[in-house]
C-alpha atoms as a PDB file:
ATOM      1  CA  MET A   1    -105.261  20.349  71.074  1.00  0.00           C
ATOM      2  CA  HIS A   2    -106.202  18.721  67.784  1.00  0.00           C
ATOM      3  CA  ALA A   3    -106.033  20.567  64.463  1.00  0.00           C
ATOM      4  CA  PHE A   4    -108.525  20.239  61.618  1.00  0.00           C
ATOM      5  CA  THR A   5    -109.076  21.936  58.261  1.00  0.00           C
ATOM      6  CA  LEU A   6    -112.424  22.688  56.627  1.00  0.00           C
ATOM      7  CA  ALA A   7    -111.878  23.055  52.884  1.00  0.00           C
ATOM      8  CA  TYR A   8    -113.693  22.465  49.612  1.00  0.00           C
ATOM      9  CA  ASP A   9    -112.776  19.171  47.958  1.00  0.00           C
ATOM     10  CA  ARG A  10    -113.262  19.631  44.200  1.00  0.00           C
ATOM     11  CA  ARG A  11    -112.976  15.910  43.522  1.00  0.00           C
ATOM     12  CA  ARG A  12    -115.825  15.075  45.895  1.00  0.00           C
ATOM     13  CA  GLY A  13    -117.754  18.303  45.329  1.00  0.00           C
ATOM     14  CA  ARG A  14    -118.208  18.708  49.087  1.00  0.00           C
ATOM     15  CA  TRP A  15    -116.724  20.564  52.039  1.00  0.00           C
ATOM     16  CA  THR A  16    -114.564  18.211  54.117  1.00  0.00           C
ATOM     17  CA  LEU A  17    -113.370  18.428  57.703  1.00  0.00           C
ATOM     18  CA  THR A  18    -109.955  16.779  57.684  1.00  0.00           C
ATOM     19  CA  ASN A  19    -107.610  15.924  60.546  1.00  0.00           C
ATOM     20  CA  ASP A  20    -104.307  17.768  59.945  1.00  0.00           C
ATOM     21  CA  ARG A  21    -102.227  14.914  61.382  1.00  0.00           C
ATOM     22  CA  THR A  22    -103.693  12.280  59.091  1.00  0.00           C
ATOM     23  CA  PRO A  23    -105.302  12.396  55.636  1.00  0.00           C
ATOM     24  CA  ARG A  24    -108.574  11.103  57.140  1.00  0.00           C
ATOM     25  CA  VAL A  25    -111.799  12.956  56.485  1.00  0.00           C
ATOM     26  CA  LYS A  26    -113.735  13.278  59.748  1.00  0.00           C
ATOM     27  CA  THR A  27    -116.960  14.369  58.042  1.00  0.00           C
ATOM     28  CA  SER A  28    -118.202  16.191  54.961  1.00  0.00           C
ATOM     29  CA  PHE A  29    -120.891  18.762  54.253  1.00  0.00           C
ATOM     30  CA  GLY A  30    -122.885  19.757  51.187  1.00  0.00           C
ATOM     31  CA  SER A  31    -122.158  23.465  51.665  1.00  0.00           C
ATOM     32  CA  LYS A  32    -119.922  25.717  53.714  1.00  0.00           C
ATOM     33  CA  ARG A  33    -123.019  27.257  55.296  1.00  0.00           C
ATOM     34  CA  ASP A  34    -124.108  23.809  56.530  1.00  0.00           C
ATOM     35  CA  ALA A  35    -120.691  23.250  58.097  1.00  0.00           C
ATOM     36  CA  THR A  36    -120.354  26.618  59.837  1.00  0.00           C
ATOM     37  CA  ARG A  37    -123.940  26.902  61.056  1.00  0.00           C
ATOM     38  CA  GLY A  38    -124.232  27.209  64.851  1.00  0.00           C
ATOM     39  CA  GLY A  39    -122.993  24.135  66.687  1.00  0.00           C
ATOM     40  CA  VAL A  40    -122.450  21.866  63.687  1.00  0.00           C
ATOM     41  CA  LEU A  41    -118.625  21.824  63.831  1.00  0.00           C
ATOM     42  CA  SER A  42    -118.693  21.497  67.611  1.00  0.00           C
ATOM     43  CA  THR A  43    -120.970  18.470  67.286  1.00  0.00           C
ATOM     44  CA  ALA A  44    -118.753  16.957  64.578  1.00  0.00           C
ATOM     45  CA  LEU A  45    -115.726  17.306  66.852  1.00  0.00           C
ATOM     46  CA  ARG A  46    -117.634  15.609  69.703  1.00  0.00           C
ATOM     47  CA  GLY A  47    -116.373  17.988  72.378  1.00  0.00           C
ATOM     48  CA  ILE A  48    -112.643  17.419  71.882  1.00  0.00           C
ATOM     49  CA  PRO A  49    -110.525  20.582  72.143  1.00  0.00           C
ATOM     50  CA  ALA A  50    -109.673  21.508  68.569  1.00  0.00           C
ATOM     51  CA  SER A  51    -108.659  24.311  66.264  1.00  0.00           C
ATOM     52  CA  VAL A  52    -110.382  24.447  62.861  1.00  0.00           C
ATOM     53  CA  ARG A  53    -108.836  26.359  59.962  1.00  0.00           C
ATOM     54  CA  ILE A  54    -111.529  27.377  57.486  1.00  0.00           C
ATOM     55  CA  HIS A  55    -110.602  27.982  53.854  1.00  0.00           C
ATOM     56  CA  LYS A  56    -112.368  29.700  50.966  1.00  0.00           C
ATOM     57  CA  THR A  57    -113.469  27.765  47.876  1.00  0.00           C
ATOM     58  CA  THR A  58    -110.261  28.950  46.185  1.00  0.00           C
ATOM     59  CA  GLY A  59    -108.162  27.301  48.900  1.00  0.00           C
ATOM     60  CA  GLU A  60    -107.108  30.565  50.548  1.00  0.00           C
ATOM     61  CA  PHE A  61    -107.173  30.736  54.354  1.00  0.00           C
ATOM     62  CA  GLN A  62    -110.242  32.580  55.676  1.00  0.00           C
ATOM     63  CA  GLU A  63    -110.417  32.152  59.473  1.00  0.00           C
ATOM     64  CA  GLU A  64    -109.590  29.931  62.419  1.00  0.00           C
ATOM     65  CA  ARG A  65    -112.025  28.842  65.121  1.00  0.00           C
ATOM     66  CA  THR A  66    -111.340  27.134  68.433  1.00  0.00           C
ATOM     67  CA  TYR A  67    -113.673  24.552  69.978  1.00  0.00           C
ATOM     68  CA  PRO A  68    -115.123  24.220  72.546  1.00  0.00           C
ATOM     69  CA  ARG A  69    -115.800  27.921  72.852  1.00  0.00           C
END
């Protein structure tokens, strides 16, 4: 299973979905709501089994979601 992190990137001013094994940004979103809206993360992950750790704007851990559901 792959691991990703959704966190706010202050430098870019966007929410980024980053692969935990590499520093690569898979995709970015204008707002957290856009990223967590129904099916958006699942589509971004293209059906691969993955765990996504979602952080608050402050960087604190908020929740973890597993895809596909």
